[in-house]
Amino acid sequence: MLGEHRYSVRAEWTGNRGTGTSGYRDYDRAVTLSIDGKPSLAASSDKPFRGDPTRWNPEDLLLSALSECHLLSYLHACVTAGVVVVSYTDDATGTMREDGRGGGAFAEVVLRPRVVVAEASMREAALEAHAQANAWCFIANSVNFPVRHEPTILVSGEE
């Protein structure tokens, strides 16, 4: 299915403490992200940037998008390859570097999927499916930094 897909989100700053952005320390970084028909998400900047560490920040959301996109693409690749996945978890990490001029960028993301397959005969195809998933992942194909994979493939009953 070829086509163009559009997405929309509303980001509403909710951190006005009464004086707006009168000074760098005078406002809260609180944001509410909302999409019609979905639960709202409480967001902020990361703690080092004066944010609320109990809320999701943009870096969390980018890492989560990469992890989830790979997971969903991987499940599709496994179905196509005849691999039955019975469990999948990912302990993903990302490294962002500040540039010293007020900006910065992600240097890399490492996905560490732990996949459990139904049978030992599926192990090799399950490992190979990560390359296909990476090729299919819209988010990984949209970033300008490496997204590496360090998968572990286990067999149900042997984990």
C-alpha atoms as a PDB file:
ATOM      1  CA  MET A   1       0.000   0.000   0.000  1.00  0.00           C
ATOM      2  CA  LEU A   2       1.770   3.101  -1.226  1.00  0.00           C
ATOM      3  CA  GLY A   3       0.605   6.448  -0.110  1.00  0.00           C
ATOM      4  CA  GLU A   4       1.126   9.472   1.980  1.00  0.00           C
ATOM      5  CA  HIS A   5       0.091   9.377   5.623  1.00  0.00           C
ATOM      6  CA  ARG A   6      -0.423  12.433   7.779  1.00  0.00           C
ATOM      7  CA  TYR A   7      -0.272  12.636  11.541  1.00  0.00           C
ATOM      8  CA  SER A   8      -1.220  15.418  13.891  1.00  0.00           C
ATOM      9  CA  VAL A   9      -0.666  16.185  17.538  1.00  0.00           C
ATOM     10  CA  ARG A  10      -1.465  19.173  19.698  1.00  0.00           C
ATOM     11  CA  ALA A  11       1.305  20.341  22.040  1.00  0.00           C
ATOM     12  CA  GLU A  12      -0.010  22.763  24.654  1.00  0.00           C
ATOM     13  CA  TRP A  13       2.379  24.544  26.977  1.00  0.00           C
ATOM     14  CA  THR A  14       0.855  24.464  30.467  1.00  0.00           C
ATOM     15  CA  GLY A  15       3.810  25.905  32.371  1.00  0.00           C
ATOM     16  CA  ASN A  16       2.967  29.589  32.642  1.00  0.00           C
ATOM     17  CA  ARG A  17       3.557  30.423  36.313  1.00  0.00           C
ATOM     18  CA  GLY A  18       1.898  33.815  35.919  1.00  0.00           C
ATOM     19  CA  THR A  19       4.618  35.831  34.203  1.00  0.00           C
ATOM     20  CA  GLY A  20       5.054  33.794  31.026  1.00  0.00           C
ATOM     21  CA  THR A  21       8.596  33.564  29.751  1.00  0.00           C
ATOM     22  CA  SER A  22       9.789  36.657  31.585  1.00  0.00           C
ATOM     23  CA  GLY A  23      13.014  34.807  32.490  1.00  0.00           C
ATOM     24  CA  TYR A  24      14.670  31.445  31.874  1.00  0.00           C
ATOM     25  CA  ARG A  25      13.849  30.240  35.389  1.00  0.00           C
ATOM     26  CA  ASP A  26      10.401  31.838  35.529  1.00  0.00           C
ATOM     27  CA  TYR A  27       8.401  29.236  33.641  1.00  0.00           C
ATOM     28  CA  ASP A  28       7.697  25.538  33.884  1.00  0.00           C
ATOM     29  CA  ARG A  29       8.469  23.237  30.964  1.00  0.00           C
ATOM     30  CA  ALA A  30       5.128  21.421  31.370  1.00  0.00           C
ATOM     31  CA  VAL A  31       3.444  20.385  28.137  1.00  0.00           C
ATOM     32  CA  THR A  32       0.349  18.326  27.391  1.00  0.00           C
ATOM     33  CA  LEU A  33       0.440  16.307  24.188  1.00  0.00           C
ATOM     34  CA  SER A  34      -2.924  15.287  22.802  1.00  0.00           C
ATOM     35  CA  ILE A  35      -4.349  13.522  19.790  1.00  0.00           C
ATOM     36  CA  ASP A  36      -8.102  13.263  19.244  1.00  0.00           C
ATOM     37  CA  GLY A  37      -9.425   9.980  20.577  1.00  0.00           C
ATOM     38  CA  LYS A  38      -6.281   9.073  22.550  1.00  0.00           C
ATOM     39  CA  PRO A  39      -5.251   9.670  26.163  1.00  0.00           C
ATOM     40  CA  SER A  40      -3.243  12.839  26.718  1.00  0.00           C
ATOM     41  CA  LEU A  41       0.410  12.544  27.609  1.00  0.00           C
ATOM     42  CA  ALA A  42       2.100  14.698  30.249  1.00  0.00           C
ATOM     43  CA  ALA A  43       5.428  15.882  28.877  1.00  0.00           C
ATOM     44  CA  SER A  44       8.263  18.238  29.769  1.00  0.00           C
ATOM     45  CA  SER A  45      11.897  18.801  28.974  1.00  0.00           C
ATOM     46  CA  ASP A  46      14.492  16.467  30.470  1.00  0.00           C
ATOM     47  CA  LYS A  47      15.622  17.249  34.033  1.00  0.00           C
ATOM     48  CA  PRO A  48      19.015  18.736  33.002  1.00  0.00           C
ATOM     49  CA  PHE A  49      17.063  21.285  30.948  1.00  0.00           C
ATOM     50  CA  ARG A  50      14.890  22.391  33.900  1.00  0.00           C
ATOM     51  CA  GLY A  51      12.194  19.845  33.151  1.00  0.00           C
ATOM     52  CA  ASP A  52      10.031  17.590  35.282  1.00  0.00           C
ATOM     53  CA  PRO A  53      11.657  14.141  35.481  1.00  0.00           C
ATOM     54  CA  THR A  54       8.262  12.507  36.153  1.00  0.00           C
ATOM     55  CA  ARG A  55       6.994  13.474  32.690  1.00  0.00           C
ATOM     56  CA  TRP A  56       7.899  12.146  29.239  1.00  0.00           C
ATOM     57  CA  ASN A  57      10.436  14.288  27.395  1.00  0.00           C
ATOM     58  CA  PRO A  58      11.151  14.532  23.643  1.00  0.00           C
ATOM     59  CA  GLU A  59      14.200  12.290  23.955  1.00  0.00           C
ATOM     60  CA  ASP A  60      12.128   9.599  25.720  1.00  0.00           C
ATOM     61  CA  LEU A  61       9.528   9.838  22.973  1.00  0.00           C
ATOM     62  CA  LEU A  62      12.075   9.522  20.151  1.00  0.00           C
ATOM     63  CA  LEU A  63      13.691   6.476  21.766  1.00  0.00           C
ATOM     64  CA  SER A  64      10.256   4.951  22.394  1.00  0.00           C
ATOM     65  CA  ALA A  65       9.204   5.553  18.784  1.00  0.00           C
ATOM     66  CA  LEU A  66      12.316   3.783  17.476  1.00  0.00           C
ATOM     67  CA  SER A  67      11.869   0.844  19.838  1.00  0.00           C
ATOM     68  CA  GLU A  68       8.159   0.399  19.117  1.00  0.00           C
ATOM     69  CA  CYS A  69       8.564   0.833  15.370  1.00  0.00           C
ATOM     70  CA  HIS A  70      11.254  -1.862  15.281  1.00  0.00           C
ATOM     71  CA  LEU A  71       9.121  -4.159  17.445  1.00  0.00           C
ATOM     72  CA  LEU A  72       6.080  -3.839  15.174  1.00  0.00           C
ATOM     73  CA  SER A  73       8.153  -4.155  11.980  1.00  0.00           C
ATOM     74  CA  TYR A  74       9.930  -7.168  13.476  1.00  0.00           C
ATOM     75  CA  LEU A  75       6.684  -8.977  14.286  1.00  0.00           C
ATOM     76  CA  HIS A  76       5.588  -8.448  10.678  1.00  0.00           C
ATOM     77  CA  ALA A  77       8.951  -9.711   9.378  1.00  0.00           C
ATOM     78  CA  CYS A  78       8.642 -12.802  11.567  1.00  0.00           C
ATOM     79  CA  VAL A  79       5.150 -13.604  10.299  1.00  0.00           C
ATOM     80  CA  THR A  80       6.456 -13.285   6.744  1.00  0.00           C
ATOM     81  CA  ALA A  81       9.385 -15.608   7.575  1.00  0.00           C
ATOM     82  CA  GLY A  82       7.222 -18.180   9.374  1.00  0.00           C
ATOM     83  CA  VAL A  83       8.711 -17.404  12.788  1.00  0.00           C
ATOM     84  CA  VAL A  84       6.360 -17.632  15.763  1.00  0.00           C
ATOM     85  CA  VAL A  85       7.314 -15.036  18.372  1.00  0.00           C
ATOM     86  CA  VAL A  86       5.879 -15.716  21.821  1.00  0.00           C
ATOM     87  CA  SER A  87       7.587 -12.878  23.708  1.00  0.00           C
ATOM     88  CA  TYR A  88       9.459  -9.662  22.872  1.00  0.00           C
ATOM     89  CA  THR A  89      10.984  -7.068  25.170  1.00  0.00           C
ATOM     90  CA  ASP A  90      13.470  -4.336  24.330  1.00  0.00           C
ATOM     91  CA  ASP A  91      15.765  -2.466  26.693  1.00  0.00           C
ATOM     92  CA  ALA A  92      16.698   0.326  24.307  1.00  0.00           C
ATOM     93  CA  THR A  93      19.178   3.112  25.041  1.00  0.00           C
ATOM     94  CA  GLY A  94      20.059   6.318  23.261  1.00  0.00           C
ATOM     95  CA  THR A  95      22.994   8.680  23.473  1.00  0.00           C
ATOM     96  CA  MET A  96      22.497  12.389  22.882  1.00  0.00           C
ATOM     97  CA  ARG A  97      25.404  14.815  22.822  1.00  0.00           C
ATOM     98  CA  GLU A  98      25.161  18.549  23.444  1.00  0.00           C
ATOM     99  CA  ASP A  99      27.111  20.705  21.006  1.00  0.00           C
ATOM    100  CA  GLY A 100      28.086  23.480  23.443  1.00  0.00           C
ATOM    101  CA  ARG A 101      26.069  26.068  21.508  1.00  0.00           C
ATOM    102  CA  GLY A 102      22.701  25.307  23.109  1.00  0.00           C
ATOM    103  CA  GLY A 103      21.800  22.441  20.788  1.00  0.00           C
ATOM    104  CA  GLY A 104      22.778  18.853  20.270  1.00  0.00           C
ATOM    105  CA  ALA A 105      21.797  15.639  18.580  1.00  0.00           C
ATOM    106  CA  PHE A 106      21.427  11.947  19.143  1.00  0.00           C
ATOM    107  CA  ALA A 107      24.648  10.109  18.321  1.00  0.00           C
ATOM    108  CA  GLU A 108      23.082   6.633  18.280  1.00  0.00           C
ATOM    109  CA  VAL A 109      20.345   4.399  19.582  1.00  0.00           C
ATOM    110  CA  VAL A 110      20.895   0.773  20.533  1.00  0.00           C
ATOM    111  CA  LEU A 111      17.917  -1.582  20.549  1.00  0.00           C
ATOM    112  CA  ARG A 112      18.342  -4.738  22.624  1.00  0.00           C
ATOM    113  CA  PRO A 113      15.395  -6.935  21.737  1.00  0.00           C
ATOM    114  CA  ARG A 114      14.989 -10.104  23.757  1.00  0.00           C
ATOM    115  CA  VAL A 115      12.878 -12.381  21.583  1.00  0.00           C
ATOM    116  CA  VAL A 116      11.443 -15.761  22.516  1.00  0.00           C
ATOM    117  CA  VAL A 117      10.412 -17.981  19.595  1.00  0.00           C
ATOM    118  CA  ALA A 118       8.253 -21.090  19.641  1.00  0.00           C
ATOM    119  CA  GLU A 119      10.825 -23.568  18.266  1.00  0.00           C
ATOM    120  CA  ALA A 120      14.609 -23.892  18.018  1.00  0.00           C
ATOM    121  CA  SER A 121      14.374 -24.277  14.229  1.00  0.00           C
ATOM    122  CA  MET A 122      13.145 -20.655  14.072  1.00  0.00           C
ATOM    123  CA  ARG A 123      16.157 -19.145  15.817  1.00  0.00           C
ATOM    124  CA  GLU A 124      18.219 -18.214  12.722  1.00  0.00           C
ATOM    125  CA  ALA A 125      15.274 -16.766  10.796  1.00  0.00           C
ATOM    126  CA  ALA A 126      14.288 -14.824  13.919  1.00  0.00           C
ATOM    127  CA  LEU A 127      17.744 -13.287  14.059  1.00  0.00           C
ATOM    128  CA  GLU A 128      17.712 -12.428  10.342  1.00  0.00           C
ATOM    129  CA  ALA A 129      14.267 -10.800  10.658  1.00  0.00           C
ATOM    130  CA  HIS A 130      15.867  -7.886  12.527  1.00  0.00           C
ATOM    131  CA  ALA A 131      17.525  -6.673   9.304  1.00  0.00           C
ATOM    132  CA  GLN A 132      14.184  -6.739   7.484  1.00  0.00           C
ATOM    133  CA  ALA A 133      12.493  -4.965  10.394  1.00  0.00           C
ATOM    134  CA  ASN A 134      15.117  -2.230  10.292  1.00  0.00           C
ATOM    135  CA  ALA A 135      14.561  -1.779   6.547  1.00  0.00           C
ATOM    136  CA  TRP A 136      10.799  -1.495   7.106  1.00  0.00           C
ATOM    137  CA  CYS A 137      10.862   0.767  10.178  1.00  0.00           C
ATOM    138  CA  PHE A 138       9.588   4.207   9.136  1.00  0.00           C
ATOM    139  CA  ILE A 139      11.096   5.897  12.183  1.00  0.00           C
ATOM    140  CA  ALA A 140      14.575   4.351  11.841  1.00  0.00           C
ATOM    141  CA  ASN A 141      14.551   5.385   8.182  1.00  0.00           C
ATOM    142  CA  SER A 142      13.759   8.964   9.223  1.00  0.00           C
ATOM    143  CA  VAL A 143      16.649   9.653  11.591  1.00  0.00           C
ATOM    144  CA  ASN A 144      20.188  10.730  10.726  1.00  0.00           C
ATOM    145  CA  PHE A 145      22.036   8.670  13.339  1.00  0.00           C
ATOM    146  CA  PRO A 146      22.749   4.949  13.628  1.00  0.00           C
ATOM    147  CA  VAL A 147      20.131   2.646  15.106  1.00  0.00           C
ATOM    148  CA  ARG A 148      22.030  -0.476  16.109  1.00  0.00           C
ATOM    149  CA  HIS A 149      20.550  -3.834  17.127  1.00  0.00           C
ATOM    150  CA  GLU A 150      21.883  -6.235  19.737  1.00  0.00           C
ATOM    151  CA  PRO A 151      19.217  -8.961  19.718  1.00  0.00           C
ATOM    152  CA  THR A 152      18.998 -12.046  21.867  1.00  0.00           C
ATOM    153  CA  ILE A 153      16.964 -14.944  20.504  1.00  0.00           C
ATOM    154  CA  LEU A 154      15.716 -17.575  22.938  1.00  0.00           C
ATOM    155  CA  VAL A 155      13.488 -20.614  22.509  1.00  0.00           C
ATOM    156  CA  SER A 156      10.301 -21.055  24.501  1.00  0.00           C
ATOM    157  CA  GLY A 157      10.921 -23.325  27.466  1.00  0.00           C
ATOM    158  CA  GLU A 158      14.695 -22.764  27.370  1.00  0.00           C
ATOM    159  CA  GLU A 159      14.756 -19.212  28.673  1.00  0.00           C
END
